[in-house]
Amino acid sequence: MSTGAIIMLVISIVIVWGGLIGAILLLRAHPEDSDLPEAGSGRYGPPRR
């Protein structure tokens, strides 16, 4: 592998894993969104036929 390919590989790995770690930290800080309706409330259920 060339030097440029290795640098791009390292950058892409840092971006992917950094995004994953950032998402985990965000979800740990804000675990639940209370604005969403309860499951099974029927408000956003499948369309009726």
C-alpha atoms as a PDB file:
ATOM      1  CA  MET A   1       0.000   0.000   0.000  1.00  0.00           C
ATOM      2  CA  SER A   2       1.153   3.463  -0.727  1.00  0.00           C
ATOM      3  CA  THR A   3       1.563   6.154   1.917  1.00  0.00           C
ATOM      4  CA  GLY A   4      -1.439   8.065   0.600  1.00  0.00           C
ATOM      5  CA  ALA A   5      -3.648   4.977   0.846  1.00  0.00           C
ATOM      6  CA  ILE A   6      -2.595   4.327   4.442  1.00  0.00           C
ATOM      7  CA  ILE A   7      -3.265   7.946   5.401  1.00  0.00           C
ATOM      8  CA  MET A   8      -6.743   7.806   3.840  1.00  0.00           C
ATOM      9  CA  LEU A   9      -7.411   4.496   5.609  1.00  0.00           C
ATOM     10  CA  VAL A  10      -6.463   5.971   8.982  1.00  0.00           C
ATOM     11  CA  ILE A  11      -8.575   9.085   8.364  1.00  0.00           C
ATOM     12  CA  SER A  12     -11.631   7.040   7.387  1.00  0.00           C
ATOM     13  CA  ILE A  13     -11.244   4.763  10.428  1.00  0.00           C
ATOM     14  CA  VAL A  14     -11.011   7.793  12.722  1.00  0.00           C
ATOM     15  CA  ILE A  15     -14.133   9.320  11.154  1.00  0.00           C
ATOM     16  CA  VAL A  16     -16.196   6.123  11.449  1.00  0.00           C
ATOM     17  CA  TRP A  17     -15.134   5.202  14.983  1.00  0.00           C
ATOM     18  CA  GLY A  18     -15.256   8.830  16.094  1.00  0.00           C
ATOM     19  CA  GLY A  19     -18.844   9.078  14.882  1.00  0.00           C
ATOM     20  CA  LEU A  20     -19.747   5.878  16.688  1.00  0.00           C
ATOM     21  CA  ILE A  21     -18.180   7.062  19.939  1.00  0.00           C
ATOM     22  CA  GLY A  22     -19.836  10.471  19.557  1.00  0.00           C
ATOM     23  CA  ALA A  23     -23.244   8.853  19.034  1.00  0.00           C
ATOM     24  CA  ILE A  24     -22.783   6.630  22.088  1.00  0.00           C
ATOM     25  CA  LEU A  25     -21.784   9.590  24.248  1.00  0.00           C
ATOM     26  CA  LEU A  26     -24.750  11.619  22.996  1.00  0.00           C
ATOM     27  CA  LEU A  27     -27.173   8.785  23.747  1.00  0.00           C
ATOM     28  CA  ARG A  28     -25.682   8.315  27.208  1.00  0.00           C
ATOM     29  CA  ALA A  29     -26.117  12.026  27.943  1.00  0.00           C
ATOM     30  CA  HIS A  30     -29.696  12.152  26.583  1.00  0.00           C
ATOM     31  CA  PRO A  31     -31.068   8.592  26.820  1.00  0.00           C
ATOM     32  CA  GLU A  32     -34.782   9.214  26.286  1.00  0.00           C
ATOM     33  CA  ASP A  33     -36.754  11.641  24.156  1.00  0.00           C
ATOM     34  CA  SER A  34     -40.033  12.358  25.953  1.00  0.00           C
ATOM     35  CA  ASP A  35     -41.532  14.184  22.941  1.00  0.00           C
ATOM     36  CA  LEU A  36     -42.224  10.910  21.151  1.00  0.00           C
ATOM     37  CA  PRO A  37     -45.630   9.224  21.606  1.00  0.00           C
ATOM     38  CA  GLU A  38     -45.964   6.051  23.623  1.00  0.00           C
ATOM     39  CA  ALA A  39     -45.613   2.798  21.741  1.00  0.00           C
ATOM     40  CA  GLY A  40     -48.991   1.427  20.726  1.00  0.00           C
ATOM     41  CA  SER A  41     -50.821   4.738  21.109  1.00  0.00           C
ATOM     42  CA  GLY A  42     -52.121   4.429  17.543  1.00  0.00           C
ATOM     43  CA  ARG A  43     -51.215   7.969  16.623  1.00  0.00           C
ATOM     44  CA  TYR A  44     -48.451   6.924  14.230  1.00  0.00           C
ATOM     45  CA  GLY A  45     -49.556   3.377  13.552  1.00  0.00           C
ATOM     46  CA  PRO A  46     -49.980   1.734  10.171  1.00  0.00           C
ATOM     47  CA  PRO A  47     -52.721   3.169   7.937  1.00  0.00           C
ATOM     48  CA  ARG A  48     -56.191   1.694   8.385  1.00  0.00           C
ATOM     49  CA  ARG A  49     -57.874   0.018   5.447  1.00  0.00           C
END
